[in-house]
C-alpha atoms as a PDB file:
ATOM      1  CA  MET A   1     170.781 212.936 180.415  1.00  0.00           C
ATOM      2  CA  ARG A   2     174.356 211.956 181.201  1.00  0.00           C
ATOM      3  CA  LYS A   3     175.510 212.822 177.674  1.00  0.00           C
ATOM      4  CA  LYS A   4     173.964 216.284 177.943  1.00  0.00           C
ATOM      5  CA  ILE A   5     175.760 216.932 181.210  1.00  0.00           C
ATOM      6  CA  LEU A   6     179.055 215.731 179.741  1.00  0.00           C
ATOM      7  CA  ALA A   7     178.577 217.899 176.641  1.00  0.00           C
ATOM      8  CA  GLY A   8     177.757 220.918 178.810  1.00  0.00           C
ATOM      9  CA  ALA A   9     180.828 220.338 180.965  1.00  0.00           C
ATOM     10  CA  MET A  10     183.048 220.065 177.890  1.00  0.00           C
ATOM     11  CA  PHE A  11     181.561 223.291 176.522  1.00  0.00           C
ATOM     12  CA  LEU A  12     182.206 225.129 179.778  1.00  0.00           C
ATOM     13  CA  ALA A  13     185.758 223.771 179.923  1.00  0.00           C
ATOM     14  CA  SER A  14     186.419 224.989 176.390  1.00  0.00           C
ATOM     15  CA  LEU A  15     185.061 228.435 177.321  1.00  0.00           C
ATOM     16  CA  LEU A  16     187.374 228.465 180.321  1.00  0.00           C
ATOM     17  CA  PHE A  17     190.380 227.650 178.141  1.00  0.00           C
ATOM     18  CA  LEU A  18     189.375 230.304 175.613  1.00  0.00           C
ATOM     19  CA  SER A  19     188.974 232.894 178.341  1.00  0.00           C
ATOM     20  CA  LEU A  20     192.518 232.214 179.534  1.00  0.00           C
ATOM     21  CA  ALA A  21     193.781 233.930 176.367  1.00  0.00           C
ATOM     22  CA  ALA A  22     192.882 237.281 177.941  1.00  0.00           C
ATOM     23  CA  THR A  23     194.899 236.608 181.087  1.00  0.00           C
ATOM     24  CA  PRO A  24     198.602 236.444 181.866  1.00  0.00           C
ATOM     25  CA  TYR A  25     198.281 232.652 181.708  1.00  0.00           C
ATOM     26  CA  SER A  26     197.704 232.578 177.938  1.00  0.00           C
ATOM     27  CA  ARG A  27     201.086 231.001 177.158  1.00  0.00           C
ATOM     28  CA  THR A  28     200.524 228.328 179.769  1.00  0.00           C
ATOM     29  CA  ALA A  29     197.048 227.594 178.417  1.00  0.00           C
ATOM     30  CA  ASP A  30     198.386 227.436 174.847  1.00  0.00           C
ATOM     31  CA  ALA A  31     201.152 225.065 175.895  1.00  0.00           C
ATOM     32  CA  ALA A  32     198.687 222.843 177.762  1.00  0.00           C
ATOM     33  CA  LEU A  33     196.274 222.669 174.830  1.00  0.00           C
ATOM     34  CA  ILE A  34     199.052 222.020 172.316  1.00  0.00           C
ATOM     35  CA  THR A  35     200.456 219.272 174.521  1.00  0.00           C
ATOM     36  CA  LEU A  36     197.020 217.704 174.943  1.00  0.00           C
ATOM     37  CA  ARG A  37     196.350 217.761 171.203  1.00  0.00           C
ATOM     38  CA  LEU A  38     199.748 216.317 170.270  1.00  0.00           C
ATOM     39  CA  THR A  39     199.365 213.587 172.874  1.00  0.00           C
ATOM     40  CA  LEU A  40     195.947 212.622 171.523  1.00  0.00           C
ATOM     41  CA  VAL A  41     197.203 212.597 167.923  1.00  0.00           C
ATOM     42  CA  THR A  42     200.208 210.494 168.928  1.00  0.00           C
ATOM     43  CA  VAL A  43     198.153 207.925 170.846  1.00  0.00           C
ATOM     44  CA  LEU A  44     195.593 207.553 168.057  1.00  0.00           C
ATOM     45  CA  SER A  45     198.348 207.308 165.426  1.00  0.00           C
ATOM     46  CA  ILE A  46     200.116 204.563 167.359  1.00  0.00           C
ATOM     47  CA  LEU A  47     196.864 202.623 167.733  1.00  0.00           C
ATOM     48  CA  VAL A  48     196.023 202.929 164.024  1.00  0.00           C
ATOM     49  CA  VAL A  49     199.508 201.855 162.921  1.00  0.00           C
ATOM     50  CA  ARG A  50     199.407 198.967 165.400  1.00  0.00           C
ATOM     51  CA  GLU A  51     196.058 197.762 164.070  1.00  0.00           C
ATOM     52  CA  ARG A  52     197.184 197.998 160.461  1.00  0.00           C
ATOM     53  CA  TRP A  53     200.416 196.193 161.317  1.00  0.00           C
ATOM     54  CA  ARG A  54     198.489 193.361 162.969  1.00  0.00           C
ATOM     55  CA  SER A  55     196.127 192.908 160.014  1.00  0.00           C
ATOM     56  CA  ARG A  56     198.630 193.439 157.182  1.00  0.00           C
ATOM     57  CA  HIS A  57     198.562 189.792 156.108  1.00  0.00           C
ATOM     58  CA  GLU A  58     194.769 189.566 155.863  1.00  0.00           C
ATOM     59  CA  PRO A  59     193.293 189.599 152.351  1.00  0.00           C
ATOM     60  CA  MET A  60     191.083 192.549 151.478  1.00  0.00           C
ATOM     61  CA  GLY A  61     187.447 192.093 152.492  1.00  0.00           C
ATOM     62  CA  ARG A  62     188.179 189.285 154.924  1.00  0.00           C
ATOM     63  CA  ALA A  63     187.504 189.898 158.568  1.00  0.00           C
ATOM     64  CA  ALA A  64     190.513 189.794 160.828  1.00  0.00           C
ATOM     65  CA  PRO A  65     190.508 187.325 163.708  1.00  0.00           C
ATOM     66  CA  THR A  66     189.116 188.756 166.896  1.00  0.00           C
ATOM     67  CA  ARG A  67     192.096 189.559 169.076  1.00  0.00           C
ATOM     68  CA  SER A  68     190.540 192.352 171.040  1.00  0.00           C
ATOM     69  CA  ASP A  69     192.468 194.209 173.686  1.00  0.00           C
ATOM     70  CA  ILE A  70     192.179 197.590 175.359  1.00  0.00           C
ATOM     71  CA  GLY A  71     193.819 199.399 172.443  1.00  0.00           C
ATOM     72  CA  ASP A  72     191.353 197.919 169.964  1.00  0.00           C
ATOM     73  CA  ASN A  73     188.416 198.786 172.196  1.00  0.00           C
ATOM     74  CA  PHE A  74     189.598 202.382 172.592  1.00  0.00           C
ATOM     75  CA  LEU A  75     190.137 202.778 168.848  1.00  0.00           C
ATOM     76  CA  GLN A  76     186.695 201.339 168.061  1.00  0.00           C
ATOM     77  CA  ARG A  77     185.071 203.719 170.543  1.00  0.00           C
ATOM     78  CA  CYS A  78     186.889 206.668 168.957  1.00  0.00           C
ATOM     79  CA  ARG A  79     185.713 205.555 165.499  1.00  0.00           C
ATOM     80  CA  ARG A  80     182.116 205.193 166.652  1.00  0.00           C
ATOM     81  CA  TRP A  81     182.249 208.616 168.321  1.00  0.00           C
ATOM     82  CA  TYR A  82     183.775 210.264 165.237  1.00  0.00           C
ATOM     83  CA  ARG A  83     181.277 208.683 162.843  1.00  0.00           C
ATOM     84  CA  GLY A  84     178.302 209.246 165.164  1.00  0.00           C
ATOM     85  CA  GLU A  85     177.366 205.590 165.445  1.00  0.00           C
END
């Protein structure tokens, strides 16, 4: 039930942002969305590079030692969400 409410809220928020294109605030909405997207891409890129840098000395197919921190947890959650796991 909670996921349905969250999905509905995200849908309504996206409709709100799309409707701002017909108002005088369209440039502000575009700037906000572009900033949000670039921030998300930057954060995820930093986390991916950091993880690859930490496991660069591990042979292929061998599991890396478990040194979990908040960045690893966030990246794993994003992967699971993207892959639908």
